[in-house]
Amino acid sequence: MASSVHFPGAVNSKFTTDLAFEQPSTHPAMPTYRVMDSDGIIVDESRKPSDISNEEILKWYKNMLTGTGPPAIVSIMDLIMFDAQRQGRLSFYMVSAGEEGIAIGSASALFPKDVIFCQYRETGVFQQRGFALSDFMNQLFANGKDNGKGRNMPVHYGSSKLNIHTISSTLATQIPQAAGAAYALKIQALQNPNMVPRIVACYFGEGAASEGDFHAALNIAATRSCPVVFICRNNGYAISTPTLEQYRGDGIASRGIGYGIDTIRVDGNDIFAVREVTKEARRMALENGGKPILIEAMSYRVSHHSTSDDSFAYRAKVEVEDWKRRDNPITRLRKWMEHQGLWDDEMEKEARSQIRKDVLKAFAQAEKEKRAPLRDMFTDVYEDLSEESKVQMKELGRLLDEYPGEYDVSEFEGGRKGLDEPAEQ
């Protein structure tokens, strides 16, 4: 008599005569991996970081460095840009407070050629890969030096040079795109065995994991064995919706197991743990032709969702203050560095002062730059301008000429130039 199921949909499932439904309560919650505790102490000396130089760790810290001192949790650039939005000098902004360790730690383990899809709280990923302060500011002010020619909302960065796809506002669309890109890399590797192996890293929040795109992406990545590392930032809130109202299962990690994906949960406030987990996930993703990996990084969103949000309308201020005092990735790393004799109060003061000067300098320069030429609104959609676009461009020029007092085009490079005769693409 057969002792296990051989149906195509449930291979190696053992037969039983017990009529019992599986219940979540009978399974323990997935553990959370960490290297150091909230006091910056290495929990297991055998796991202490040994493959990272002190110089690299100092670079991480400066990339994450916070604002005006404890218990502030908002980074210097975030603080300045948040205030700029409130002053009307910027239309929109999103901060990364409380999640800096996830971005910096994971990005430090990726290779330059790896392809990245971000959501909108991965400023640290861009910083770690070499996105300059001027690049951030040019995008935020949508000026003529912006890589995207001022066509996108603020905080929607992108860089082909750094192999980071442009961020999209539409929630979760980057997840299936990442699975598809990883499948393309897999095919390329099969066609060219001498190609340097690379993966796709995809970032998203636990709120995005409620979208259908998440499930479709994980399923196709699993069935097609795509070399992609999915990195979920579980920060407790999807805008105003807490996790208790988002799902009843064991976080997002349990879903990876359901799709047959190797999965791990990590302390997102522990930059060493995040780096180590991502480094191992990258190695595993390239094994035997490729496979997907899911990382659930646990954190807490200290800041408001965006400048359009007041989080104290749906959560208690004392809750946020408690997290600020209790644990955050920047303070934890600073404590570790102080234990090692790598950092002190004087170095902290000097670093904060210099970073603030650098941010303000880039801010002032970007704010003065003119916007991209008006004709750029019509270019780059198709290889050649469509007839409809040519008509629209000419009509815009006519309206500007007819109502010069209604439309000030002096802030655009070249004014209305190029609207009558479409430029070469």
Protein backbone atom coordinates (compact mmCIF):
# COMPACT_ATOMS: atom_id res chain seq x y z
CA MET A 1 0.00 0.00 0.00
CA ALA A 2 1.31 3.42 -0.93
CA SER A 3 2.34 5.48 2.08
CA SER A 4 2.48 8.90 0.43
CA VAL A 5 0.56 10.98 -2.07
CA HIS A 6 1.79 10.93 -5.66
CA PHE A 7 -0.72 13.39 -7.07
CA PRO A 8 0.98 16.06 -9.25
CA GLY A 9 -0.10 18.83 -6.90
CA ALA A 10 1.17 17.32 -3.64
CA VAL A 11 4.27 15.21 -4.12
CA ASN A 12 5.57 13.21 -1.11
CA SER A 13 2.62 14.04 1.15
CA LYS A 14 2.08 11.15 3.53
CA PHE A 15 -1.32 9.47 3.83
CA THR A 16 -3.06 9.61 7.20
CA THR A 17 -6.28 8.35 8.75
CA ASP A 18 -6.44 11.29 11.16
CA LEU A 19 -9.01 13.88 10.10
CA ALA A 20 -7.18 17.01 11.25
CA PHE A 21 -6.97 20.49 9.79
CA GLU A 22 -3.67 22.32 10.01
CA GLN A 23 -3.97 25.32 12.31
CA PRO A 24 -1.59 28.30 12.40
CA SER A 25 -1.51 28.20 16.19
CA THR A 26 0.17 24.78 16.14
CA HIS A 27 3.20 26.21 14.30
CA PRO A 28 5.72 28.47 16.06
CA ALA A 29 6.39 31.92 14.62
CA MET A 30 9.38 32.06 12.32
CA PRO A 31 12.46 33.25 14.25
CA THR A 32 14.15 36.59 13.57
CA TYR A 33 17.88 36.44 12.82
CA ARG A 34 20.15 38.97 14.47
CA VAL A 35 23.89 39.51 15.06
CA MET A 36 23.91 42.33 17.63
CA ASP A 37 21.38 43.49 20.20
CA SER A 38 19.95 46.96 20.74
CA ASP A 39 22.97 47.92 22.87
CA GLY A 40 25.39 47.20 20.03
CA ILE A 41 26.67 43.99 21.64
CA ILE A 42 27.43 40.98 19.43
CA VAL A 43 25.08 38.24 20.63
CA ASP A 44 27.16 35.29 19.39
CA GLU A 45 30.92 35.93 19.17
CA SER A 46 31.19 33.23 16.50
CA ARG A 47 28.94 35.37 14.26
CA LYS A 48 30.78 38.67 14.69
CA PRO A 49 31.37 40.57 11.40
CA SER A 50 34.84 39.73 10.16
CA ASP A 51 34.76 40.35 6.41
CA ILE A 52 34.08 44.09 6.62
CA SER A 53 36.67 46.80 7.11
CA ASN A 54 36.24 49.54 9.69
CA GLU A 55 36.32 52.06 6.84
CA GLU A 56 33.32 50.37 5.22
CA ILE A 57 31.37 50.36 8.48
CA LEU A 58 32.08 54.06 8.98
CA LYS A 59 30.79 54.65 5.46
CA TRP A 60 27.56 52.84 6.35
CA TYR A 61 27.11 54.97 9.41
CA LYS A 62 27.64 58.23 7.58
CA ASN A 63 25.17 57.10 4.92
CA MET A 64 22.61 56.49 7.66
CA LEU A 65 23.58 59.40 9.89
CA THR A 66 20.73 61.12 11.69
CA GLY A 67 19.67 64.68 12.34
CA THR A 68 20.16 66.86 15.38
CA GLY A 69 20.93 64.22 17.98
CA PRO A 70 19.16 61.73 20.22
CA PRO A 71 16.37 60.94 20.20
CA ALA A 72 16.00 62.32 16.65
CA ILE A 73 15.57 59.58 14.09
CA VAL A 74 15.21 61.59 10.89
CA SER A 75 18.25 61.66 8.63
CA ILE A 76 19.83 65.00 7.83
CA MET A 77 18.67 65.03 4.21
CA ASP A 78 15.22 63.79 5.22
CA LEU A 79 14.90 66.50 7.86
CA ILE A 80 15.90 69.29 5.47
CA MET A 81 13.70 68.07 2.63
CA PHE A 82 10.72 67.51 4.92
CA ASP A 83 11.00 71.13 6.07
CA ALA A 84 11.42 72.29 2.45
CA GLN A 85 8.13 70.65 1.53
CA ARG A 86 6.39 72.35 4.44
CA GLN A 87 7.81 75.67 3.18
CA GLY A 88 6.33 75.08 -0.28
CA ARG A 89 9.72 74.71 -1.95
CA LEU A 90 9.07 71.03 -2.71
CA SER A 91 5.80 69.36 -3.65
CA PHE A 92 6.22 66.03 -1.88
CA TYR A 93 8.69 63.95 0.11
CA MET A 94 9.01 60.58 1.83
CA VAL A 95 11.47 59.82 4.63
CA SER A 96 13.18 56.56 5.60
CA ALA A 97 13.45 56.96 9.36
CA GLY A 98 13.79 53.65 11.18
CA GLU A 99 14.55 51.66 8.04
CA GLU A 100 18.01 52.91 7.14
CA GLY A 101 19.70 49.68 8.25
CA ILE A 102 17.67 47.57 5.82
CA ALA A 103 18.60 49.71 2.83
CA ILE A 104 22.29 50.24 3.62
CA GLY A 105 22.90 46.74 4.97
CA SER A 106 21.33 44.92 2.03
CA ALA A 107 22.83 47.20 -0.63
CA SER A 108 26.31 46.65 0.81
CA ALA A 109 26.00 42.92 0.03
CA LEU A 110 24.92 43.36 -3.60
CA PHE A 111 27.26 43.54 -6.60
CA PRO A 112 27.38 46.66 -8.82
CA LYS A 113 26.02 44.71 -11.81
CA ASP A 114 23.06 43.34 -9.87
CA VAL A 115 19.75 44.84 -11.01
CA ILE A 116 17.64 46.62 -8.41
CA PHE A 117 13.95 47.48 -8.19
CA CYS A 118 13.09 49.81 -5.30
CA GLN A 119 9.85 51.06 -3.83
CA TYR A 120 10.08 54.58 -2.38
CA ARG A 121 11.83 54.23 0.98
CA GLU A 122 15.18 52.98 -0.31
CA THR A 123 17.17 56.22 -0.25
CA GLY A 124 19.96 54.28 1.46
CA VAL A 125 20.21 51.82 -1.42
CA PHE A 126 20.89 54.69 -3.79
CA GLN A 127 23.37 56.27 -1.36
CA GLN A 128 25.26 53.02 -0.90
CA ARG A 129 25.56 52.44 -4.65
CA GLY A 130 26.92 55.91 -5.35
CA PHE A 131 23.93 58.15 -6.08
CA ALA A 132 25.28 61.64 -5.34
CA LEU A 133 23.58 64.32 -3.26
CA SER A 134 23.23 66.36 -6.45
CA ASP A 135 21.43 63.43 -8.09
CA PHE A 136 18.92 63.32 -5.23
CA MET A 137 18.34 67.06 -5.28
CA ASN A 138 18.04 67.36 -9.05
CA GLN A 139 15.31 64.71 -9.02
CA LEU A 140 13.51 66.24 -6.05
CA PHE A 141 13.40 69.66 -7.72
CA ALA A 142 12.65 68.15 -11.17
CA ASN A 143 15.21 70.39 -12.82
CA GLY A 144 16.98 70.05 -16.15
CA LYS A 145 19.79 67.95 -14.66
CA ASP A 146 17.40 65.29 -13.39
CA ASN A 147 17.99 61.89 -15.02
CA GLY A 148 14.24 61.64 -15.58
CA LYS A 149 13.99 65.14 -17.07
CA GLY A 150 11.57 66.27 -14.37
CA ARG A 151 8.81 63.90 -15.43
CA ASN A 152 8.31 62.06 -12.18
CA MET A 153 7.18 62.85 -8.65
CA PRO A 154 9.84 63.66 -6.06
CA VAL A 155 11.56 60.68 -4.39
CA HIS A 156 11.07 58.56 -7.53
CA TYR A 157 14.76 58.16 -8.27
CA GLY A 158 16.37 55.96 -10.90
CA SER A 159 19.79 55.36 -12.40
CA SER A 160 20.71 53.22 -15.39
CA LYS A 161 24.38 53.75 -14.50
CA LEU A 162 23.82 52.15 -11.10
CA ASN A 163 21.48 49.46 -12.49
CA ILE A 164 18.52 50.74 -10.45
CA HIS A 165 15.17 50.94 -12.24
CA THR A 166 13.19 54.14 -11.76
CA ILE A 167 10.78 54.02 -8.83
CA SER A 168 7.09 53.91 -9.65
CA SER A 169 4.26 55.29 -7.52
CA THR A 170 1.95 52.41 -8.37
CA LEU A 171 2.20 50.01 -5.46
CA ALA A 172 3.83 46.60 -6.02
CA THR A 173 4.28 46.84 -9.80
CA GLN A 174 8.04 46.48 -9.34
CA ILE A 175 7.67 42.98 -7.86
CA PRO A 176 6.52 41.11 -11.02
CA GLN A 177 8.85 43.32 -13.04
CA ALA A 178 11.72 42.10 -10.88
CA ALA A 179 10.70 38.47 -11.41
CA GLY A 180 10.62 39.06 -15.16
CA ALA A 181 14.00 40.79 -15.14
CA ALA A 182 15.47 37.88 -13.18
CA TYR A 183 14.06 35.43 -15.70
CA ALA A 184 15.73 37.46 -18.45
CA LEU A 185 19.07 37.28 -16.59
CA LYS A 186 18.62 33.53 -16.27
CA ILE A 187 18.08 33.16 -20.02
CA GLN A 188 21.05 35.41 -20.77
CA ALA A 189 23.26 33.31 -18.51
CA LEU A 190 22.18 30.12 -20.27
CA GLN A 191 22.98 31.65 -23.65
CA ASN A 192 26.30 33.06 -22.50
CA PRO A 193 28.01 30.87 -19.85
CA ASN A 194 30.89 33.34 -19.61
CA MET A 195 28.63 36.14 -18.41
CA VAL A 196 29.28 37.38 -14.88
CA PRO A 197 26.48 35.96 -12.69
CA ARG A 198 24.09 38.54 -11.33
CA ILE A 199 20.78 38.70 -9.56
CA VAL A 200 17.80 41.00 -9.19
CA ALA A 201 17.03 42.54 -5.79
CA CYS A 202 13.49 43.78 -5.25
CA TYR A 203 12.38 45.98 -2.33
CA PHE A 204 8.82 46.50 -1.10
CA GLY A 205 6.83 47.01 2.10
CA GLU A 206 4.50 44.57 3.83
CA GLY A 207 1.57 46.65 2.56
CA ALA A 208 2.61 45.99 -1.02
CA ALA A 209 2.58 42.28 -0.20
CA SER A 210 -1.22 42.59 0.05
CA GLU A 211 -1.38 43.34 -3.67
CA GLY A 212 -2.00 40.61 -6.22
CA ASP A 213 1.25 41.54 -7.96
CA PHE A 214 3.18 40.18 -4.98
CA HIS A 215 1.62 36.74 -5.23
CA ALA A 216 1.94 36.56 -9.01
CA ALA A 217 5.60 37.57 -8.80
CA LEU A 218 6.57 35.03 -6.13
CA ASN A 219 4.76 32.25 -7.94
CA ILE A 220 6.39 32.85 -11.32
CA ALA A 221 9.80 33.38 -9.69
CA ALA A 222 9.44 30.04 -7.90
CA THR A 223 8.13 28.04 -10.86
CA ARG A 224 10.68 29.53 -13.28
CA SER A 225 13.55 29.38 -10.76
CA CYS A 226 14.47 33.03 -11.19
CA PRO A 227 17.59 34.47 -9.47
CA VAL A 228 15.79 37.19 -7.51
CA VAL A 229 16.01 38.23 -3.87
CA PHE A 230 12.76 39.72 -2.60
CA ILE A 231 13.38 42.08 0.34
CA CYS A 232 10.26 42.99 2.28
CA ARG A 233 10.45 45.85 4.76
CA ASN A 234 7.86 44.99 7.39
CA ASN A 235 7.65 48.32 9.22
CA GLY A 236 4.29 47.80 10.91
CA TYR A 237 2.13 50.10 8.79
CA ALA A 238 0.78 50.33 5.24
CA ILE A 239 0.17 54.08 5.41
CA SER A 240 -2.54 54.08 8.13
CA THR A 241 -3.25 50.35 8.21
CA PRO A 242 -1.40 48.43 10.95
CA THR A 243 -0.24 44.88 10.33
CA LEU A 244 -2.96 43.47 12.59
CA GLU A 245 -5.49 44.68 10.03
CA GLN A 246 -3.43 43.58 7.04
CA TYR A 247 -3.02 39.86 7.68
CA ARG A 248 -3.57 37.05 10.19
CA GLY A 249 -0.66 34.81 9.20
CA ASP A 250 2.93 34.85 10.47
CA GLY A 251 4.05 38.03 8.74
CA ILE A 252 5.20 37.95 5.14
CA ALA A 253 7.84 35.26 5.62
CA SER A 254 5.22 32.51 5.94
CA ARG A 255 4.03 33.30 2.42
CA GLY A 256 7.42 32.55 0.95
CA ILE A 257 7.28 29.03 2.39
CA GLY A 258 3.85 28.60 0.83
CA TYR A 259 5.27 29.38 -2.59
CA GLY A 260 8.18 26.97 -2.13
CA ILE A 261 10.72 29.76 -1.69
CA ASP A 262 13.68 29.67 0.72
CA THR A 263 12.83 32.32 3.29
CA ILE A 264 14.36 34.08 6.28
CA ARG A 265 13.23 36.74 8.74
CA VAL A 266 15.86 39.23 9.93
CA ASP A 267 16.12 42.05 12.44
CA GLY A 268 16.02 45.09 10.17
CA ASN A 269 17.52 47.30 12.87
CA ASP A 270 20.68 45.17 12.86
CA ILE A 271 22.75 46.26 9.87
CA PHE A 272 25.23 43.40 10.31
CA ALA A 273 22.44 40.81 10.25
CA VAL A 274 20.80 42.40 7.19
CA ARG A 275 24.10 42.42 5.30
CA GLU A 276 24.94 38.82 6.22
CA VAL A 277 21.48 37.57 5.27
CA THR A 278 21.49 39.42 1.93
CA LYS A 279 24.99 38.20 1.11
CA GLU A 280 23.95 34.58 1.70
CA ALA A 281 20.65 35.10 -0.14
CA ARG A 282 22.54 36.39 -3.18
CA ARG A 283 24.78 33.30 -3.16
CA MET A 284 21.79 30.97 -2.86
CA ALA A 285 19.87 32.79 -5.61
CA LEU A 286 22.63 31.92 -8.09
CA GLU A 287 22.86 28.22 -7.14
CA ASN A 288 22.03 25.56 -9.73
CA GLY A 289 20.93 28.01 -12.39
CA GLY A 290 18.99 30.29 -10.08
CA LYS A 291 16.15 30.40 -7.57
CA PRO A 292 14.21 33.08 -5.64
CA ILE A 293 14.82 33.99 -2.00
CA LEU A 294 12.52 35.97 0.30
CA ILE A 295 13.87 38.15 3.12
CA GLU A 296 11.45 39.71 5.59
CA ALA A 297 13.26 42.53 7.39
CA MET A 298 11.48 43.60 10.58
CA SER A 299 11.53 47.30 11.49
CA TYR A 300 9.29 50.17 12.56
CA ARG A 301 8.29 53.20 10.49
CA VAL A 302 9.19 56.01 12.85
CA SER A 303 8.18 58.79 10.45
CA HIS A 304 4.90 59.71 8.83
CA HIS A 305 4.17 57.77 5.64
CA SER A 306 4.91 60.90 3.60
CA THR A 307 4.52 64.68 3.79
CA SER A 308 0.85 64.08 2.88
CA ASP A 309 0.29 62.02 6.02
CA ASP A 310 -0.18 62.70 9.73
CA SER A 311 0.46 59.35 11.37
CA PHE A 312 -0.69 60.58 14.79
CA ALA A 313 -4.22 60.45 13.44
CA TYR A 314 -4.06 56.65 13.55
CA ARG A 315 -1.32 55.79 16.07
CA ALA A 316 -0.33 57.10 19.48
CA LYS A 317 2.58 59.48 19.68
CA VAL A 318 3.87 57.57 22.71
CA GLU A 319 4.21 54.47 20.52
CA VAL A 320 6.52 56.30 18.12
CA GLU A 321 8.53 57.88 20.92
CA ASP A 322 8.92 54.47 22.53
CA TRP A 323 10.45 53.05 19.36
CA LYS A 324 12.75 56.04 19.06
CA ARG A 325 14.10 55.43 22.52
CA ARG A 326 14.07 51.66 22.42
CA ASP A 327 15.79 50.76 19.19
CA ASN A 328 16.82 52.07 15.80
CA PRO A 329 19.53 50.95 13.35
CA ILE A 330 21.65 54.10 13.57
CA THR A 331 21.92 54.24 17.34
CA ARG A 332 22.63 50.52 17.47
CA LEU A 333 25.51 50.76 15.00
CA ARG A 334 26.88 53.83 16.77
CA LYS A 335 26.95 51.93 20.07
CA TRP A 336 28.87 49.10 18.40
CA MET A 337 31.39 51.54 16.91
CA GLU A 338 31.87 53.21 20.30
CA HIS A 339 32.52 49.81 21.89
CA GLN A 340 35.22 49.27 19.26
CA GLY A 341 36.76 52.71 19.76
CA LEU A 342 35.84 53.78 16.22
CA TRP A 343 33.52 56.66 17.14
CA ASP A 344 32.97 59.33 19.76
CA ASP A 345 30.92 62.45 20.41
CA GLU A 346 33.40 64.77 18.71
CA MET A 347 33.41 62.68 15.52
CA GLU A 348 29.62 62.60 15.63
CA LYS A 349 29.38 66.37 15.89
CA GLU A 350 31.89 66.91 13.08
CA ALA A 351 30.22 64.40 10.76
CA ARG A 352 26.75 65.84 11.30
CA SER A 353 27.98 69.36 10.66
CA GLN A 354 29.77 68.41 7.43
CA ILE A 355 26.89 66.33 6.08
CA ARG A 356 24.43 69.12 6.79
CA LYS A 357 26.65 71.58 4.90
CA ASP A 358 26.93 69.18 1.94
CA VAL A 359 23.18 68.61 1.82
CA LEU A 360 22.37 72.33 1.99
CA LYS A 361 24.92 73.10 -0.73
CA ALA A 362 23.41 70.51 -3.09
CA PHE A 363 19.93 71.75 -2.13
CA ALA A 364 20.73 75.37 -2.98
CA GLN A 365 22.36 74.48 -6.29
CA ALA A 366 19.51 72.23 -7.45
CA GLU A 367 16.87 74.77 -6.48
CA LYS A 368 18.53 77.39 -8.72
CA GLU A 369 18.69 75.16 -11.80
CA LYS A 370 16.13 75.68 -14.53
CA ARG A 371 13.60 72.99 -15.37
CA ALA A 372 14.05 70.69 -18.35
CA PRO A 373 13.02 72.08 -21.77
CA LEU A 374 9.26 72.07 -22.37
CA ARG A 375 9.68 69.89 -25.45
CA ASP A 376 10.93 67.08 -23.22
CA MET A 377 7.32 66.52 -22.17
CA PHE A 378 6.75 64.96 -25.58
CA THR A 379 9.98 63.10 -26.25
CA ASP A 380 11.19 59.63 -25.24
CA VAL A 381 7.73 58.01 -25.28
CA TYR A 382 8.32 56.52 -28.71
CA GLU A 383 11.54 56.29 -30.71
CA ASP A 384 10.15 59.00 -32.99
CA LEU A 385 7.56 61.62 -32.10
CA SER A 386 4.07 60.48 -33.04
CA GLU A 387 1.91 62.71 -35.21
CA GLU A 388 -0.35 63.32 -32.21
CA SER A 389 2.61 64.48 -30.13
CA LYS A 390 3.73 66.85 -32.88
CA VAL A 391 0.27 68.40 -33.02
CA GLN A 392 0.14 68.74 -29.22
CA MET A 393 3.60 70.29 -29.10
CA LYS A 394 2.68 72.86 -31.72
CA GLU A 395 -0.58 73.65 -29.93
CA LEU A 396 1.29 74.23 -26.66
CA GLY A 397 3.55 76.70 -28.45
CA ARG A 398 0.54 78.52 -29.88
CA LEU A 399 -1.11 78.84 -26.46
CA LEU A 400 2.09 80.18 -24.91
CA ASP A 401 2.36 82.79 -27.64
CA GLU A 402 -1.30 83.79 -27.34
CA TYR A 403 -1.33 84.06 -23.54
CA PRO A 404 2.20 85.08 -22.51
CA GLY A 405 0.91 86.72 -19.33
CA GLU A 406 -0.73 83.51 -18.14
CA TYR A 407 2.24 81.22 -18.53
CA ASP A 408 5.72 82.03 -17.26
CA VAL A 409 8.15 79.78 -19.16
CA SER A 410 11.31 81.56 -17.99
CA GLU A 411 12.04 78.79 -15.48
CA PHE A 412 12.34 76.22 -18.29
CA GLU A 413 15.55 75.78 -20.27
CA GLY A 414 15.13 77.61 -23.59
CA GLY A 415 11.65 78.87 -22.71
CA ARG A 416 9.26 77.80 -25.49
CA LYS A 417 12.12 77.00 -27.87
CA GLY A 418 11.74 73.76 -29.83
CA LEU A 419 7.97 73.52 -29.67
CA ASP A 420 7.40 74.51 -33.32
CA GLU A 421 10.13 72.33 -34.82
CA PRO A 422 10.44 69.03 -32.91
CA ALA A 423 14.04 68.31 -32.08
CA GLU A 424 15.79 65.09 -33.05
CA GLN A 425 15.24 62.29 -30.55
